[in-house]
Amino acid sequence: MSAITVSLRRQQNPQSQGYIQQFVVRAAPHHTTVLDLLHQIQWEQDSTVVFRRNCRNAICGSCAMKINGTSALACAVSAHQAMDAQQHISIEPLGNLPVLRDLVVDMTRFWQNLEQVQPYVTTQPKQEREFRQTPQQRMKLQAGGNCILCGACYSECNALGGNPNFIGPHALAKADRILQDNREARPAERLQRYNTSDMAWGCTRCYQCNEVCPVGVQPLDRITQVRQAILQAQHLSVHTAMIHRRSMVQLVQAGGWVAESKLALQVLSDRGRNWHKLTQVIPLAWRMLTKGKFPLPWQFKSSSATKEIRDLITRLQTPPDINTSKEKS
């Protein structure tokens, strides 16, 4: 048995100030989860401590909270994993969501954002027989379908700090799951809905969602797939995020790496279609130029590995031949 110090962030109600309260719990670190520690605190020391929990088997996602500054499931992290050399553990509520009391946060916005992507299959009416899926079609849904909606990715999402209207990685993971479903009847309408800076293009690719997801959904990978589907669609309106992505790929193909000045010119001018937009940033561009922060286009030198990089991008952009893959396997 070890004496484990737990620093618990507490808050009595949404309007009150939070504070840290320390508890010392005696437990066997290798056989005790962080959730067990919270139970001991609640049962033996302070019955007013409030937190959520249900299954205790990393299935329901209810006990998501910040453990030593990182969002995780309290039932899935052992005390031994969490405590530092001084046998200390810090526990806080999830981030990016308002605190109701102690470790309980208000998930209203989380669920509202999920509803925005319409996370359910829309099928044609009056089907005469059930839908059938091959194992390969079902496997496409596996990653997004594994999401338990615990909120860990939402808690760590840096994009929400700059854009509170961003719907979050959990919602986009579910959006990809629907887009990958061959039973979905209106994928084009969905892509139109997701093609905004508050949805697919709001992600800053910080990788935090992938780092903390407890069930391997890899939300950033799902967001990337949604973006790829949008880029491949021909019927969608083009905006800055799409121009930025396409211009970046084009420049890397041309020179092996990104020429920052050319990228800025292409994005701001809509790849030459709206040169008048450049006049809006002339003062900023001049200040950058005079301070040596803006390399001129003719100063850019291509990478010696341009051909290899171009070939790699071409292979990545070429869809695999299913028949050939089967023959090889």
Protein backbone atom coordinates (compact mmCIF):
# COMPACT_ATOMS: atom_id res chain seq x y z
CA MET A 1 0.00 0.00 0.00
CA SER A 2 1.21 3.50 -0.86
CA ALA A 3 0.14 6.95 0.24
CA ILE A 4 -0.95 8.70 -2.97
CA THR A 5 -1.56 12.44 -2.97
CA VAL A 6 -4.44 13.51 -5.22
CA SER A 7 -4.76 17.19 -6.16
CA LEU A 8 -8.39 17.57 -7.17
CA ARG A 9 -9.71 20.69 -8.85
CA ARG A 10 -13.06 21.53 -7.31
CA GLN A 11 -15.79 24.00 -8.16
CA GLN A 12 -19.12 24.31 -6.37
CA ASN A 13 -21.18 25.67 -9.28
CA PRO A 14 -20.73 27.28 -12.74
CA GLN A 15 -20.46 30.78 -11.27
CA SER A 16 -17.95 30.05 -8.51
CA GLN A 17 -14.17 30.06 -8.67
CA GLY A 18 -12.34 26.78 -8.89
CA TYR A 19 -9.77 25.72 -6.31
CA ILE A 20 -7.43 22.80 -5.62
CA GLN A 21 -8.03 20.43 -2.73
CA GLN A 22 -5.58 17.70 -1.81
CA PHE A 23 -6.44 14.24 -0.53
CA VAL A 24 -4.11 11.46 0.60
CA VAL A 25 -5.31 7.99 -0.34
CA ARG A 26 -3.74 4.70 0.67
CA ALA A 27 -3.91 2.19 -2.17
CA ALA A 28 -1.97 -0.38 -4.18
CA PRO A 29 -0.94 1.66 -7.26
CA HIS A 30 -0.68 -1.26 -9.70
CA HIS A 31 -4.14 -2.56 -8.82
CA THR A 32 -5.98 0.73 -8.41
CA THR A 33 -7.34 2.99 -11.15
CA VAL A 34 -7.71 6.74 -10.91
CA LEU A 35 -11.45 6.14 -10.76
CA ASP A 36 -10.91 3.86 -7.75
CA LEU A 37 -9.02 6.68 -6.04
CA LEU A 38 -11.94 9.04 -6.61
CA HIS A 39 -14.32 6.46 -5.16
CA GLN A 40 -12.17 6.13 -2.06
CA ILE A 41 -12.09 9.90 -1.65
CA GLN A 42 -15.86 10.12 -2.03
CA TRP A 43 -16.64 7.17 0.24
CA GLU A 44 -14.05 7.68 2.94
CA GLN A 45 -13.09 11.37 3.05
CA ASP A 46 -15.52 13.75 1.33
CA SER A 47 -18.91 12.61 0.09
CA THR A 48 -19.49 15.94 -1.69
CA VAL A 49 -16.89 15.22 -4.39
CA VAL A 50 -18.75 14.95 -7.70
CA PHE A 51 -17.72 13.10 -10.87
CA ARG A 52 -19.31 10.97 -13.59
CA ARG A 53 -18.81 7.25 -14.06
CA ASN A 54 -20.78 4.26 -15.24
CA CYS A 55 -19.35 1.07 -16.76
CA ARG A 56 -15.82 1.16 -15.27
CA ASN A 57 -14.64 -0.82 -18.32
CA ALA A 58 -13.59 1.93 -20.79
CA ILE A 59 -16.78 1.43 -22.80
CA CYS A 60 -19.19 4.22 -21.86
CA GLY A 61 -16.77 7.16 -21.78
CA SER A 62 -18.51 8.76 -18.78
CA CYS A 63 -15.42 9.11 -16.61
CA ALA A 64 -13.36 11.23 -19.04
CA MET A 65 -11.37 13.90 -17.19
CA LYS A 66 -7.93 15.49 -17.21
CA ILE A 67 -5.32 13.40 -15.43
CA ASN A 68 -2.02 15.24 -14.98
CA GLY A 69 -3.14 17.73 -17.63
CA THR A 70 -4.12 15.19 -20.29
CA SER A 71 -7.66 14.01 -21.03
CA ALA A 72 -8.22 10.30 -20.40
CA LEU A 73 -10.67 7.78 -18.97
CA ALA A 74 -10.22 7.53 -15.22
CA CYS A 75 -11.23 3.86 -15.29
CA ALA A 76 -8.53 3.02 -17.84
CA VAL A 77 -5.54 4.71 -16.14
CA SER A 78 -3.91 3.02 -13.18
CA ALA A 79 -2.59 4.99 -10.24
CA HIS A 80 0.86 3.60 -11.01
CA GLN A 81 0.71 5.04 -14.55
CA ALA A 82 -0.55 8.41 -13.38
CA MET A 83 1.50 9.25 -10.30
CA ASP A 84 4.87 10.99 -10.50
CA ALA A 85 8.04 10.29 -8.49
CA GLN A 86 6.46 12.00 -5.47
CA GLN A 87 3.39 9.74 -5.80
CA HIS A 88 1.24 12.70 -6.76
CA ILE A 89 -1.69 12.82 -9.23
CA SER A 90 -3.51 15.89 -10.53
CA ILE A 91 -7.15 15.55 -11.59
CA GLU A 92 -9.23 18.23 -13.35
CA PRO A 93 -12.46 18.40 -15.39
CA LEU A 94 -12.40 18.22 -19.19
CA GLY A 95 -11.38 21.36 -21.07
CA ASN A 96 -13.36 23.41 -23.63
CA LEU A 97 -16.59 22.76 -21.73
CA PRO A 98 -18.14 24.75 -18.83
CA VAL A 99 -17.87 23.16 -15.38
CA LEU A 100 -21.09 22.39 -13.56
CA ARG A 101 -19.50 21.06 -10.39
CA ASP A 102 -16.11 19.54 -9.56
CA LEU A 103 -15.31 17.09 -12.39
CA VAL A 104 -18.73 17.27 -14.05
CA VAL A 105 -18.88 19.45 -17.18
CA ASP A 106 -21.83 20.66 -19.21
CA MET A 107 -21.85 18.53 -22.40
CA THR A 108 -24.69 20.44 -24.08
CA ARG A 109 -22.52 22.10 -26.73
CA PHE A 110 -20.70 18.81 -27.32
CA TRP A 111 -23.97 17.07 -28.21
CA GLN A 112 -25.29 20.03 -30.20
CA ASN A 113 -22.15 20.04 -32.33
CA LEU A 114 -22.52 16.31 -32.95
CA GLU A 115 -26.08 16.85 -34.14
CA GLN A 116 -24.85 19.38 -36.72
CA VAL A 117 -23.23 16.63 -38.81
CA GLN A 118 -26.43 14.53 -38.73
CA PRO A 119 -24.67 11.41 -37.39
CA TYR A 120 -27.07 8.87 -38.81
CA VAL A 121 -27.50 7.18 -42.17
CA THR A 122 -30.14 8.69 -44.46
CA THR A 123 -31.49 6.04 -46.82
CA GLN A 124 -33.97 5.97 -49.65
CA PRO A 125 -37.55 5.24 -48.49
CA LYS A 126 -39.46 2.03 -49.18
CA GLN A 127 -36.57 -0.38 -49.38
CA GLU A 128 -37.82 -3.80 -50.44
CA ARG A 129 -34.95 -5.69 -48.83
CA GLU A 130 -32.31 -5.19 -46.20
CA PHE A 131 -29.04 -3.48 -47.03
CA ARG A 132 -26.06 -5.78 -47.29
CA GLN A 133 -22.44 -4.88 -46.84
CA THR A 134 -19.30 -6.75 -47.73
CA PRO A 135 -16.65 -7.16 -45.03
CA GLN A 136 -14.56 -4.57 -46.87
CA GLN A 137 -17.41 -2.05 -46.82
CA ARG A 138 -17.99 -2.67 -43.13
CA MET A 139 -14.31 -2.23 -42.29
CA LYS A 140 -14.44 1.34 -43.62
CA LEU A 141 -16.82 2.18 -40.77
CA GLN A 142 -14.80 0.54 -38.03
CA ALA A 143 -12.66 3.46 -36.84
CA GLY A 144 -15.39 6.09 -36.72
CA GLY A 145 -17.88 3.58 -35.35
CA ASN A 146 -15.62 2.83 -32.38
CA CYS A 147 -16.01 6.35 -30.98
CA ILE A 148 -17.57 6.25 -27.50
CA LEU A 149 -18.15 10.02 -27.38
CA CYS A 150 -16.19 10.44 -24.17
CA GLY A 151 -15.17 14.03 -24.97
CA ALA A 152 -11.41 13.54 -24.54
CA CYS A 153 -10.63 14.77 -28.06
CA TYR A 154 -12.96 17.75 -27.65
CA SER A 155 -11.28 18.62 -24.37
CA GLU A 156 -7.83 18.74 -25.98
CA CYS A 157 -8.84 20.41 -29.26
CA ASN A 158 -6.71 23.51 -29.87
CA ALA A 159 -8.92 24.67 -32.75
CA LEU A 160 -11.72 25.43 -30.27
CA GLY A 161 -9.48 27.98 -28.58
CA GLY A 162 -9.36 30.07 -31.75
CA ASN A 163 -12.80 29.25 -33.09
CA PRO A 164 -15.46 28.36 -30.49
CA ASN A 165 -17.84 27.54 -33.35
CA PHE A 166 -15.68 24.64 -34.54
CA ILE A 167 -17.78 21.50 -34.11
CA GLY A 168 -14.93 19.37 -32.80
CA PRO A 169 -13.11 16.17 -33.78
CA HIS A 170 -15.76 13.88 -32.30
CA ALA A 171 -18.42 15.21 -34.68
CA LEU A 172 -16.16 15.04 -37.73
CA ALA A 173 -15.16 11.47 -36.88
CA LYS A 174 -18.84 10.57 -36.98
CA ALA A 175 -19.25 12.58 -40.19
CA ASP A 176 -16.58 10.46 -41.84
CA ARG A 177 -18.22 7.28 -40.58
CA ILE A 178 -21.44 8.26 -42.40
CA LEU A 179 -19.63 9.31 -45.58
CA GLN A 180 -17.88 5.92 -45.69
CA ASP A 181 -21.20 4.07 -45.38
CA ASN A 182 -22.42 2.69 -48.74
CA ARG A 183 -26.00 2.87 -47.43
CA GLU A 184 -25.90 6.69 -47.21
CA ALA A 185 -28.25 8.19 -49.82
CA ARG A 186 -27.12 11.84 -49.81
CA PRO A 187 -23.31 12.05 -49.59
CA ALA A 188 -23.16 15.11 -51.88
CA GLU A 189 -25.43 17.08 -49.54
CA ARG A 190 -23.31 16.07 -46.59
CA LEU A 191 -20.10 17.22 -48.25
CA GLN A 192 -21.74 20.59 -48.92
CA ARG A 193 -22.69 20.82 -45.25
CA TYR A 194 -19.20 19.87 -44.02
CA ASN A 195 -17.36 22.23 -46.40
CA THR A 196 -17.01 25.18 -43.99
CA SER A 197 -14.40 26.68 -41.68
CA ASP A 198 -16.50 25.63 -38.68
CA MET A 199 -16.53 22.01 -39.81
CA ALA A 200 -13.99 20.16 -41.96
CA TRP A 201 -11.68 23.14 -42.47
CA GLY A 202 -11.65 24.30 -38.86
CA CYS A 203 -9.14 21.68 -37.69
CA THR A 204 -5.60 22.98 -37.05
CA ARG A 205 -4.04 19.48 -37.27
CA CYS A 206 -2.46 19.66 -33.84
CA TYR A 207 -2.74 15.85 -33.43
CA GLN A 208 -3.96 16.20 -29.84
CA CYS A 209 -7.18 14.31 -30.61
CA ASN A 210 -5.21 11.34 -31.93
CA GLU A 211 -2.94 11.42 -28.90
CA VAL A 212 -5.71 11.18 -26.31
CA CYS A 213 -8.39 9.06 -28.00
CA PRO A 214 -8.78 6.02 -25.68
CA VAL A 215 -10.26 3.70 -28.32
CA GLY A 216 -8.10 4.33 -31.38
CA VAL A 217 -10.55 6.31 -33.49
CA GLN A 218 -7.72 8.62 -34.65
CA PRO A 219 -10.07 11.61 -35.17
CA LEU A 220 -7.53 13.61 -37.16
CA ASP A 221 -7.32 10.78 -39.69
CA ARG A 222 -11.10 10.80 -39.99
CA ILE A 223 -11.08 14.59 -40.50
CA THR A 224 -8.45 14.17 -43.21
CA GLN A 225 -10.69 11.69 -45.02
CA VAL A 226 -13.61 14.13 -44.92
CA ARG A 227 -11.35 16.82 -46.39
CA GLN A 228 -10.15 14.48 -49.12
CA ALA A 229 -13.74 13.70 -50.08
CA ILE A 230 -14.50 17.44 -50.25
CA LEU A 231 -11.44 18.13 -52.41
CA GLN A 232 -12.38 15.38 -54.82
CA ALA A 233 -15.97 16.61 -55.19
CA GLN A 234 -16.49 18.83 -58.22
CA HIS A 235 -19.78 20.45 -57.22
CA LEU A 236 -18.60 22.29 -54.10
CA SER A 237 -17.78 25.97 -53.80
CA VAL A 238 -14.07 26.78 -53.45
CA HIS A 239 -12.89 28.82 -50.48
CA THR A 240 -9.60 29.83 -48.89
CA ALA A 241 -8.94 26.58 -47.03
CA MET A 242 -9.32 24.53 -50.20
CA ILE A 243 -7.16 26.94 -52.21
CA HIS A 244 -4.48 26.78 -49.52
CA ARG A 245 -4.41 22.98 -49.55
CA ARG A 246 -4.39 22.65 -53.34
CA SER A 247 -1.76 25.35 -53.75
CA MET A 248 0.48 23.72 -51.16
CA VAL A 249 0.34 20.34 -52.91
CA GLN A 250 0.98 21.97 -56.27
CA LEU A 251 4.03 23.85 -54.99
CA VAL A 252 5.49 20.78 -53.30
CA GLN A 253 5.05 18.83 -56.51
CA ALA A 254 6.75 21.61 -58.45
CA GLY A 255 9.69 22.30 -56.15
CA GLY A 256 9.93 19.60 -53.52
CA TRP A 257 8.88 21.89 -50.67
CA VAL A 258 6.69 24.92 -50.06
CA ALA A 259 7.77 28.29 -51.42
CA GLU A 260 6.15 30.52 -48.79
CA SER A 261 5.99 33.63 -50.95
CA LYS A 262 4.41 31.76 -53.86
CA LEU A 263 1.94 30.11 -51.51
CA ALA A 264 0.89 33.47 -50.07
CA LEU A 265 0.44 34.95 -53.53
CA GLN A 266 -1.61 32.00 -54.77
CA VAL A 267 -3.87 31.80 -51.73
CA LEU A 268 -4.52 35.52 -51.44
CA SER A 269 -5.15 35.93 -55.17
CA ASP A 270 -7.26 32.77 -55.47
CA ARG A 271 -4.55 31.25 -57.67
CA GLY A 272 -4.49 34.27 -59.97
CA ARG A 273 -8.23 34.76 -60.34
CA ASN A 274 -8.57 37.66 -57.88
CA TRP A 275 -5.34 39.65 -57.91
CA HIS A 276 -7.13 42.70 -56.49
CA LYS A 277 -7.24 40.94 -53.09
CA LEU A 278 -3.48 41.35 -52.80
CA THR A 279 -3.91 45.10 -52.34
CA GLN A 280 -5.43 44.40 -48.92
CA VAL A 281 -2.14 43.00 -47.57
CA ILE A 282 0.36 45.31 -49.27
CA PRO A 283 1.23 47.13 -45.98
CA LEU A 284 1.88 43.83 -44.18
CA ALA A 285 3.82 42.42 -47.12
CA TRP A 286 6.00 45.53 -47.28
CA ARG A 287 6.87 45.33 -43.58
CA MET A 288 7.76 41.65 -43.94
CA LEU A 289 9.84 42.36 -47.04
CA THR A 290 11.85 45.16 -45.41
CA LYS A 291 12.60 42.93 -42.41
CA GLY A 292 13.70 40.01 -44.57
CA LYS A 293 10.72 37.87 -43.55
CA PHE A 294 9.29 37.45 -47.04
CA PRO A 295 11.55 35.62 -49.52
CA LEU A 296 10.99 36.72 -53.10
CA PRO A 297 9.68 34.07 -55.53
CA TRP A 298 12.87 34.06 -57.64
CA GLN A 299 14.96 33.39 -54.53
CA PHE A 300 13.33 30.00 -54.05
CA LYS A 301 15.44 26.97 -54.91
CA SER A 302 13.90 23.60 -55.68
CA SER A 303 14.75 20.58 -53.57
CA SER A 304 17.22 18.09 -55.00
CA ALA A 305 14.64 15.40 -54.21
CA THR A 306 11.81 17.05 -56.16
CA LYS A 307 11.33 14.11 -58.53
CA GLU A 308 11.12 11.58 -55.69
CA ILE A 309 8.66 13.78 -53.79
CA ARG A 310 6.55 14.26 -56.91
CA ASP A 311 6.44 10.51 -57.52
CA LEU A 312 5.46 9.92 -53.88
CA ILE A 313 2.56 12.39 -54.09
CA THR A 314 1.40 10.80 -57.34
CA ARG A 315 1.36 7.35 -55.73
CA LEU A 316 -0.53 8.66 -52.71
CA GLN A 317 -3.12 10.34 -54.93
CA THR A 318 -3.64 7.26 -57.09
CA PRO A 319 -6.37 5.00 -55.70
CA PRO A 320 -5.27 1.40 -55.18
CA ASP A 321 -6.31 -1.23 -57.72
CA ILE A 322 -8.50 -3.57 -55.68
CA ASN A 323 -8.10 -6.47 -58.11
CA THR A 324 -4.31 -6.12 -58.14
CA SER A 325 -4.24 -5.97 -54.32
CA LYS A 326 -6.25 -9.18 -54.11
CA GLU A 327 -3.93 -10.96 -56.53
CA LYS A 328 -0.88 -9.94 -54.48
CA SER A 329 -2.47 -11.11 -51.25
